Amino acid sequence: MADLEGSGTGALPTYPDLAGKVAVVTGSSRGIGAATCRLLAANGVRVVVNGRDAAAVDTAVERIRGAGGEALGVVGDATNGAVLAALRRRTEDTFGPVDVLGAFVGGGGQPSPITEVTEAEWRATIDSNLTATFLAIQCFLPGMLERRRGVIITMASTAGRLPGGAAVAYAAAKAGVVMLTRHVAREVGPQGVRLNCIAPSAIVTEEHPLRRASEEQRQRVAAGFPLGRLGLPDDIALAALFLASDSSSWITGVTLDVAGGRVSL
């Protein structure tokens, strides 16, 4: 199995068209978001790291700067519209208009029968995933439309593509992110803005239970994927890097299953 701290993919690809652009990635102090910021910065993008944990934000920013990249850390809850507006203004004041938005903030819960899901749990999960994605798009999209260019990448999940194995509210929210992305992509494509979605599966982040599992347990789970290994943050970040670049300039409204071969039909 690939090293849990890396991607097992070899040399980092480069996209010269990304150099000098500005990217904001919500929920990026750890895991997939942090990896995406790191890879964008390595391609010359000025990145904004966001999260609620100030120490984690600082660590992510320091890692990027230590590798020679440009990064700004903005602490705040990106599920809140007013916080997102402040994040946008801070970014514009520091780096300029935003070219790339990664609307990555979100989170799931423990699976349970639908009859046991409380209204509060349902609303909280929908808000922290689907509503948060809607708010991020709504906040950053107007400037992109005005400039007639921009890329937005949303974060779904295999849970929103295939039934079973995830909390029902989380699955519904992520399925909503897929359709939200497709809908807005169709609406704003003529104005030069592209939206695409990534649907990961079993990505071993710092907080994933498999991080603390034994090697035998990880191998057992990995065997369930056609490619025979678990996903890593860099696997998703590499997909985001491609979708942010001009190499994907004729792709919009697509959901990319980065799931080791376990994909929806």
Protein backbone atom coordinates (compact mmCIF):
# COMPACT_ATOMS: atom_id res chain seq x y z
CA MET A 1 0.00 0.00 0.00
CA ALA A 2 1.13 3.53 -0.73
CA ASP A 3 2.58 5.58 2.07
CA LEU A 4 -0.27 7.13 4.07
CA GLU A 5 1.49 10.49 3.96
CA GLY A 6 1.87 10.55 0.18
CA SER A 7 0.06 9.64 -2.97
CA GLY A 8 2.25 6.98 -4.50
CA THR A 9 1.95 8.88 -7.79
CA GLY A 10 5.54 10.01 -8.34
CA ALA A 11 6.45 13.47 -9.65
CA LEU A 12 3.98 16.31 -9.23
CA PRO A 13 2.41 17.39 -12.53
CA THR A 14 2.77 21.02 -13.54
CA TYR A 15 0.21 23.26 -15.20
CA PRO A 16 1.93 26.49 -16.29
CA ASP A 17 -1.40 28.27 -16.83
CA LEU A 18 -2.07 28.18 -13.08
CA ALA A 19 0.93 30.35 -12.19
CA GLY A 20 -0.11 33.67 -10.70
CA LYS A 21 -3.74 32.72 -10.15
CA VAL A 22 -5.57 33.06 -6.85
CA ALA A 23 -7.38 30.16 -5.18
CA VAL A 24 -9.54 29.88 -2.08
CA VAL A 25 -10.20 26.42 -0.66
CA THR A 26 -12.71 26.23 2.18
CA GLY A 27 -12.10 23.62 4.84
CA SER A 28 -8.45 23.36 3.86
CA SER A 29 -6.48 23.32 7.10
CA ARG A 30 -6.19 19.53 7.00
CA GLY A 31 -6.69 16.52 4.79
CA ILE A 32 -7.90 16.88 1.21
CA GLY A 33 -8.15 20.67 1.37
CA ALA A 34 -4.65 21.12 2.74
CA ALA A 35 -3.22 18.78 0.10
CA THR A 36 -5.04 20.70 -2.62
CA CYS A 37 -3.68 24.02 -1.38
CA ARG A 38 -0.17 22.56 -1.27
CA LEU A 39 -0.33 21.24 -4.85
CA LEU A 40 -1.88 24.46 -6.17
CA ALA A 41 0.85 26.51 -4.48
CA ALA A 42 3.50 24.24 -5.99
CA ASN A 43 2.06 25.27 -9.37
CA GLY A 44 2.47 28.97 -8.61
CA VAL A 45 -1.04 29.64 -7.34
CA ARG A 46 -1.48 32.09 -4.46
CA VAL A 47 -3.66 30.10 -2.10
CA VAL A 48 -5.93 30.93 0.82
CA VAL A 49 -6.13 28.28 3.53
CA ASN A 50 -9.33 28.28 5.55
CA GLY A 51 -10.52 26.41 8.62
CA ARG A 52 -11.84 26.86 12.13
CA ASP A 53 -8.71 25.59 13.90
CA ALA A 54 -6.18 28.44 13.95
CA ALA A 55 -3.25 26.16 14.76
CA ALA A 56 -4.07 23.82 11.88
CA VAL A 57 -4.45 26.76 9.49
CA ASP A 58 -1.07 28.13 10.58
CA THR A 59 0.57 24.73 10.11
CA ALA A 60 -0.82 24.36 6.58
CA VAL A 61 0.28 27.88 5.64
CA GLU A 62 3.76 27.39 7.07
CA ARG A 63 4.20 24.18 5.11
CA ILE A 64 3.31 25.92 1.87
CA ARG A 65 5.54 28.91 2.56
CA GLY A 66 8.37 26.61 3.63
CA ALA A 67 8.22 25.02 0.17
CA GLY A 68 8.41 28.44 -1.49
CA GLY A 69 4.71 28.98 -2.14
CA GLU A 70 2.47 31.96 -1.40
CA ALA A 71 -0.30 31.39 1.13
CA LEU A 72 -2.66 33.30 3.37
CA GLY A 73 -4.46 31.76 6.32
CA VAL A 74 -7.98 32.90 7.19
CA VAL A 75 -9.62 31.36 10.24
CA GLY A 76 -13.40 31.13 10.12
CA ASP A 77 -16.46 28.91 9.77
CA ALA A 78 -17.05 28.64 6.02
CA THR A 79 -20.58 27.33 6.52
CA ASN A 80 -21.57 30.91 7.41
CA GLY A 81 -22.38 33.37 4.62
CA ALA A 82 -21.07 36.43 6.46
CA VAL A 83 -17.78 34.65 7.20
CA LEU A 84 -17.44 33.69 3.54
CA ALA A 85 -18.00 37.30 2.48
CA ALA A 86 -15.26 38.42 4.87
CA LEU A 87 -12.99 35.66 3.53
CA ARG A 88 -13.55 36.88 -0.03
CA ARG A 89 -12.79 40.49 0.89
CA ARG A 90 -9.62 39.49 2.75
CA THR A 91 -8.47 37.46 -0.23
CA GLU A 92 -9.14 40.26 -2.69
CA ASP A 93 -7.35 42.79 -0.49
CA THR A 94 -4.28 40.54 -0.20
CA PHE A 95 -4.01 38.68 -3.51
CA GLY A 96 -6.69 40.08 -5.82
CA PRO A 97 -9.75 38.51 -7.47
CA VAL A 98 -10.33 34.81 -6.99
CA ASP A 99 -9.77 32.59 -10.03
CA VAL A 100 -10.35 29.20 -8.40
CA LEU A 101 -12.73 28.23 -5.60
CA GLY A 102 -12.56 24.86 -3.89
CA ALA A 103 -15.81 24.49 -1.93
CA PHE A 104 -14.58 21.62 0.20
CA VAL A 105 -15.94 22.28 3.67
CA GLY A 106 -18.26 19.58 4.99
CA GLY A 107 -18.45 16.48 7.10
CA GLY A 108 -20.49 13.37 7.78
CA GLY A 109 -21.87 11.44 10.69
CA GLN A 110 -22.28 7.89 11.87
CA PRO A 111 -24.68 5.71 9.86
CA SER A 112 -27.96 4.90 11.60
CA PRO A 113 -31.49 3.89 10.53
CA ILE A 114 -33.46 6.80 9.12
CA THR A 115 -36.08 6.37 11.84
CA GLU A 116 -33.41 7.23 14.41
CA VAL A 117 -32.10 10.38 12.71
CA THR A 118 -33.27 13.48 14.54
CA GLU A 119 -34.46 16.60 12.77
CA ALA A 120 -31.56 18.53 14.29
CA GLU A 121 -29.02 15.99 13.00
CA TRP A 122 -30.56 16.06 9.52
CA ARG A 123 -30.58 19.84 9.29
CA ALA A 124 -27.05 20.17 10.65
CA THR A 125 -25.64 17.71 8.12
CA ILE A 126 -27.49 19.24 5.17
CA ASP A 127 -26.36 22.73 6.22
CA SER A 128 -22.71 21.82 6.75
CA ASN A 129 -22.43 20.12 3.36
CA LEU A 130 -25.04 21.19 0.80
CA THR A 131 -25.96 24.64 2.14
CA ALA A 132 -22.30 25.45 2.79
CA THR A 133 -21.47 24.60 -0.83
CA PHE A 134 -24.35 26.75 -2.08
CA LEU A 135 -23.19 29.69 0.06
CA ALA A 136 -19.60 29.42 -1.17
CA ILE A 137 -20.69 29.34 -4.81
CA GLN A 138 -23.06 32.25 -4.27
CA CYS A 139 -20.32 34.28 -2.58
CA PHE A 140 -17.53 33.85 -5.15
CA LEU A 141 -19.48 33.36 -8.38
CA PRO A 142 -20.52 37.01 -9.01
CA GLY A 143 -16.92 38.20 -9.36
CA MET A 144 -16.14 35.34 -11.74
CA LEU A 145 -19.19 36.17 -13.85
CA GLU A 146 -18.14 39.81 -13.99
CA ARG A 147 -14.67 38.83 -15.23
CA ARG A 148 -16.14 36.04 -17.42
CA ARG A 149 -13.70 33.47 -16.13
CA GLY A 150 -13.25 31.21 -13.14
CA VAL A 151 -13.28 27.65 -11.88
CA ILE A 152 -15.29 26.20 -9.01
CA ILE A 153 -14.63 22.71 -7.69
CA THR A 154 -17.12 21.16 -5.28
CA MET A 155 -16.68 18.14 -3.03
CA ALA A 156 -19.20 15.30 -3.03
CA SER A 157 -18.57 11.71 -1.96
CA THR A 158 -19.17 8.15 -3.04
CA ALA A 159 -21.89 8.33 -0.39
CA GLY A 160 -23.81 10.63 -2.72
CA ARG A 161 -23.28 8.34 -5.70
CA LEU A 162 -23.91 4.85 -4.34
CA PRO A 163 -26.39 3.91 -1.57
CA GLY A 164 -25.30 2.23 1.63
CA GLY A 165 -22.49 2.58 4.14
CA ALA A 166 -22.92 6.25 5.04
CA ALA A 167 -25.21 8.39 7.16
CA VAL A 168 -28.41 9.03 5.22
CA ALA A 169 -28.31 12.82 5.69
CA TYR A 170 -24.69 12.93 4.52
CA ALA A 171 -25.53 10.82 1.45
CA ALA A 172 -28.46 13.07 0.60
CA ALA A 173 -26.39 16.22 1.08
CA LYS A 174 -23.58 14.98 -1.15
CA ALA A 175 -26.02 13.87 -3.83
CA GLY A 176 -27.38 17.40 -3.64
CA VAL A 177 -23.88 18.80 -4.17
CA VAL A 178 -23.61 16.76 -7.37
CA MET A 179 -26.86 18.17 -8.78
CA LEU A 180 -26.13 21.70 -7.54
CA THR A 181 -22.84 21.58 -9.43
CA ARG A 182 -24.46 20.32 -12.62
CA HIS A 183 -27.23 22.89 -12.44
CA VAL A 184 -24.97 25.90 -11.89
CA ALA A 185 -22.46 24.68 -14.49
CA ARG A 186 -25.20 24.67 -17.10
CA GLU A 187 -26.38 28.12 -16.00
CA VAL A 188 -23.02 29.91 -16.02
CA GLY A 189 -21.07 28.07 -18.70
CA PRO A 190 -21.94 30.71 -21.32
CA GLN A 191 -20.34 33.33 -19.03
CA GLY A 192 -17.00 31.50 -19.01
CA VAL A 193 -17.19 29.91 -15.55
CA ARG A 194 -16.71 26.16 -15.11
CA LEU A 195 -17.94 24.01 -12.21
CA ASN A 196 -16.99 20.40 -11.60
CA CYS A 197 -17.36 18.04 -8.67
CA ILE A 198 -15.10 15.39 -7.14
CA ALA A 199 -16.56 12.34 -5.40
CA PRO A 200 -13.92 10.59 -3.27
CA SER A 201 -14.15 7.26 -1.46
CA ALA A 202 -12.25 6.05 1.62
CA ILE A 203 -9.64 8.79 1.73
CA VAL A 204 -7.33 8.26 4.69
CA THR A 205 -7.06 11.73 6.20
CA GLU A 206 -5.77 12.60 9.65
CA GLU A 207 -9.22 12.08 11.16
CA HIS A 208 -10.27 8.97 9.23
CA PRO A 209 -10.73 5.87 11.45
CA LEU A 210 -8.47 3.87 9.12
CA ARG A 211 -5.59 6.15 10.10
CA ARG A 212 -5.60 4.39 13.49
CA ALA A 213 -6.33 0.93 12.10
CA SER A 214 -3.78 -1.83 11.82
CA GLU A 215 -2.05 -2.56 8.54
CA GLU A 216 -4.06 -5.79 8.31
CA GLN A 217 -7.34 -3.89 8.68
CA ARG A 218 -6.33 -1.36 6.05
CA GLN A 219 -5.33 -4.13 3.65
CA ARG A 220 -8.70 -5.78 4.14
CA VAL A 221 -10.58 -2.59 3.26
CA ALA A 222 -8.24 -1.83 0.37
CA ALA A 223 -8.98 -5.23 -1.15
CA GLY A 224 -12.55 -4.05 -1.77
CA PHE A 225 -11.35 -1.51 -4.33
CA PRO A 226 -10.45 -2.61 -7.88
CA LEU A 227 -7.14 -0.72 -7.65
CA GLY A 228 -6.28 -2.52 -4.42
CA ARG A 229 -5.39 0.43 -2.20
CA LEU A 230 -6.98 3.13 -0.09
CA GLY A 231 -7.27 6.70 -1.25
CA LEU A 232 -4.97 9.45 0.01
CA PRO A 233 -5.46 13.23 0.15
CA ASP A 234 -3.04 13.78 -2.73
CA ASP A 235 -5.17 11.53 -4.95
CA ILE A 236 -8.02 14.01 -4.65
CA ALA A 237 -5.73 17.04 -4.77
CA LEU A 238 -4.26 15.85 -8.07
CA ALA A 239 -7.75 15.62 -9.55
CA ALA A 240 -8.55 19.11 -8.26
CA LEU A 241 -5.33 20.42 -9.77
CA PHE A 242 -6.35 19.12 -13.19
CA LEU A 243 -9.88 20.53 -12.90
CA ALA A 244 -8.49 23.94 -11.88
CA SER A 245 -6.21 24.09 -14.91
CA ASP A 246 -6.83 24.91 -18.54
CA SER A 247 -6.14 21.26 -19.32
CA SER A 248 -9.78 20.69 -18.35
CA SER A 249 -11.05 23.75 -20.22
CA TRP A 250 -13.75 21.78 -22.07
CA ILE A 251 -15.02 20.00 -18.98
CA THR A 252 -17.86 21.38 -16.89
CA GLY A 253 -20.79 19.94 -14.97
CA VAL A 254 -18.94 16.66 -14.45
CA THR A 255 -18.63 14.59 -11.28
CA LEU A 256 -15.29 12.79 -11.19
CA ASP A 257 -15.32 9.61 -9.12
CA VAL A 258 -11.87 9.40 -7.54
CA ALA A 259 -12.69 6.14 -5.85
CA GLY A 260 -10.17 3.47 -6.75
CA GLY A 261 -12.51 1.97 -9.32
CA ARG A 262 -15.61 1.86 -7.12
CA VAL A 263 -17.75 4.14 -9.25
CA SER A 264 -21.41 4.81 -9.97
CA LEU A 265 -23.03 3.85 -13.26
